[in-house]
Amino acid sequence: MEINTKYHGILNVEETDFIHFEHGIPGFVDEKEFIFLPMDAESPFYIMQSKQTSELGFIVTNPFYFFKEYEFDLPKRDKEVLKINNEEDIQLFTILSVKEPFSETTANLKAPIIVNHKSKLAKQVILNETPYTTKHKILQKAAHK
């Protein structure tokens, strides 16, 4: 199928590549289908592109690329909703707020996106009782690897 994207223009993609967010994502509850598109082959960044709204594309990354010590316990109810039976089926993303200059770009570690590639289900989980916030500088943290 053909979709119009925010950053990549018009692309041909497979319907089976879309991931379903049962309740949308916070602030975008009507947006339920997204596809993860790499920025380019060498980049740690992806675009989480809405199927429905071409102008809606979030820049995301695997948080472990910048925050190796990042960890949290996924609540049992979220595991059930996402039909997680095997941790190898999941992938984690964090939404970035890209700033100028790029060194000011932040990651939202308080609300990671959990994707179960096997079931094609995803959810943005809001973590409670956590030291993480919605604004962690990615480059400052990367310098301390």
Protein backbone atom coordinates (compact mmCIF):
# COMPACT_ATOMS: atom_id res chain seq x y z
CA MET A 1 0.00 0.00 0.00
CA GLU A 2 1.07 3.59 -0.53
CA ILE A 3 1.28 6.10 2.33
CA ASN A 4 2.30 9.74 2.48
CA THR A 5 4.80 10.34 5.29
CA LYS A 6 6.03 13.40 7.15
CA TYR A 7 9.75 12.84 6.53
CA HIS A 8 10.07 10.28 3.73
CA GLY A 9 7.44 11.47 1.24
CA ILE A 10 5.30 8.83 -0.44
CA LEU A 11 6.33 5.23 0.32
CA ASN A 12 5.12 1.78 -0.59
CA VAL A 13 4.79 -0.29 2.57
CA GLU A 14 3.21 -3.57 3.55
CA GLU A 15 -0.04 -3.47 5.51
CA THR A 16 1.47 -6.11 7.81
CA ASP A 17 4.25 -3.69 8.84
CA PHE A 18 1.84 -1.49 10.82
CA ILE A 19 1.70 -1.72 14.59
CA HIS A 20 -1.62 -1.27 16.41
CA PHE A 21 -2.06 0.96 19.48
CA GLU A 22 -5.41 -0.15 20.93
CA HIS A 23 -6.07 3.20 22.64
CA GLY A 24 -3.88 5.42 20.46
CA ILE A 25 -1.14 7.31 22.24
CA PRO A 26 -1.57 10.08 24.82
CA GLY A 27 -2.68 13.22 23.05
CA PHE A 28 -3.53 11.29 19.88
CA VAL A 29 -6.17 8.77 20.94
CA ASP A 30 -7.62 8.45 17.42
CA GLU A 31 -4.22 7.51 15.94
CA LYS A 32 -4.06 3.74 16.26
CA GLU A 33 -1.88 2.50 13.38
CA PHE A 34 1.80 3.37 13.05
CA ILE A 35 4.78 2.11 11.11
CA PHE A 36 8.40 2.43 12.24
CA LEU A 37 10.60 3.74 9.42
CA PRO A 38 14.39 4.04 9.81
CA MET A 39 15.77 7.55 9.30
CA ASP A 40 18.54 5.90 7.25
CA ALA A 41 20.55 2.69 7.34
CA GLU A 42 23.20 3.98 9.76
CA SER A 43 20.98 6.02 12.09
CA PRO A 44 19.78 5.01 15.58
CA PHE A 45 16.64 7.06 14.89
CA TYR A 46 13.29 5.98 13.46
CA ILE A 47 10.11 7.75 12.46
CA MET A 48 6.98 6.40 14.11
CA GLN A 49 4.68 7.38 11.25
CA SER A 50 0.90 7.50 11.53
CA LYS A 51 -1.00 5.56 8.89
CA GLN A 52 -3.97 7.92 9.11
CA THR A 53 -2.27 11.35 9.30
CA SER A 54 0.68 11.99 7.01
CA GLU A 55 1.82 15.03 9.04
CA LEU A 56 2.11 12.94 12.22
CA GLY A 57 5.51 11.33 12.57
CA PHE A 58 7.41 11.07 15.84
CA ILE A 59 11.18 10.74 15.94
CA VAL A 60 11.98 7.79 18.20
CA THR A 61 14.99 5.73 19.20
CA ASN A 62 15.89 2.68 21.23
CA PRO A 63 16.58 4.24 24.66
CA PHE A 64 19.40 1.78 25.38
CA TYR A 65 21.44 3.37 22.60
CA PHE A 66 21.81 6.49 24.76
CA PHE A 67 20.87 5.25 28.26
CA LYS A 68 22.45 1.85 28.84
CA GLU A 69 21.32 1.75 32.50
CA TYR A 70 17.65 2.44 31.65
CA GLU A 71 15.35 -0.08 33.30
CA PHE A 72 11.85 -0.45 34.64
CA ASP A 73 9.32 -3.15 35.42
CA LEU A 74 6.50 -3.44 32.92
CA PRO A 75 3.22 -3.85 34.81
CA LYS A 76 1.51 -7.22 34.41
CA ARG A 77 -1.64 -5.62 32.94
CA ASP A 78 0.45 -4.03 30.15
CA LYS A 79 2.10 -7.38 29.41
CA GLU A 80 -1.36 -8.91 29.09
CA VAL A 81 -2.69 -6.11 26.85
CA LEU A 82 0.35 -6.44 24.57
CA LYS A 83 0.18 -10.26 24.66
CA ILE A 84 3.81 -10.49 25.72
CA ASN A 85 4.82 -14.09 26.29
CA ASN A 86 8.47 -13.78 25.37
CA GLU A 87 10.71 -10.76 26.03
CA GLU A 88 12.46 -11.40 22.71
CA ASP A 89 9.27 -10.35 20.92
CA ILE A 90 9.34 -6.81 22.31
CA GLN A 91 11.17 -3.70 21.24
CA LEU A 92 11.39 -0.48 23.20
CA PHE A 93 11.34 3.06 21.85
CA THR A 94 11.37 6.50 23.37
CA ILE A 95 9.96 9.61 21.73
CA LEU A 96 12.45 12.42 21.19
CA SER A 97 11.87 16.16 21.34
CA VAL A 98 14.31 17.35 18.69
CA LYS A 99 15.75 20.79 19.46
CA GLU A 100 18.05 23.33 17.88
CA PRO A 101 20.89 22.86 18.47
CA PHE A 102 20.62 19.07 18.30
CA SER A 103 22.66 18.78 21.52
CA GLU A 104 19.53 20.00 23.36
CA THR A 105 17.41 17.09 22.07
CA THR A 106 15.68 15.15 24.84
CA ALA A 107 14.19 11.69 25.29
CA ASN A 108 10.98 10.91 27.14
CA LEU A 109 12.07 8.07 29.44
CA LYS A 110 8.95 8.38 31.61
CA ALA A 111 6.68 7.14 28.81
CA PRO A 112 8.39 4.45 26.70
CA ILE A 113 6.70 2.80 23.74
CA ILE A 114 6.56 -0.97 24.05
CA VAL A 115 6.11 -2.87 20.77
CA ASN A 116 5.32 -6.56 20.53
CA HIS A 117 6.41 -7.39 16.99
CA LYS A 118 4.88 -10.85 17.14
CA SER A 119 1.35 -9.65 17.99
CA LYS A 120 1.77 -6.27 16.17
CA LEU A 121 0.52 -4.52 19.32
CA ALA A 122 2.03 -1.49 21.02
CA LYS A 123 1.40 0.85 23.90
CA GLN A 124 2.97 3.98 25.27
CA VAL A 125 3.32 3.19 28.96
CA ILE A 126 3.39 5.97 31.54
CA LEU A 127 5.79 4.91 34.30
CA ASN A 128 4.83 5.84 37.85
CA GLU A 129 7.20 5.83 40.80
CA THR A 130 10.26 6.26 38.60
CA PRO A 131 13.24 8.62 38.62
CA TYR A 132 12.76 9.17 34.87
CA THR A 133 11.28 12.32 33.38
CA THR A 134 10.04 13.40 29.98
CA LYS A 135 13.26 15.32 29.22
CA HIS A 136 16.61 13.53 29.36
CA LYS A 137 19.31 15.02 27.10
CA ILE A 138 20.47 12.26 24.78
CA LEU A 139 23.87 13.66 23.79
CA GLN A 140 24.94 14.70 27.24
CA LYS A 141 24.16 11.19 28.44
CA ALA A 142 25.91 9.60 25.45
CA ALA A 143 29.12 11.44 26.36
CA HIS A 144 29.23 9.51 29.65
CA LYS A 145 29.21 6.03 28.11
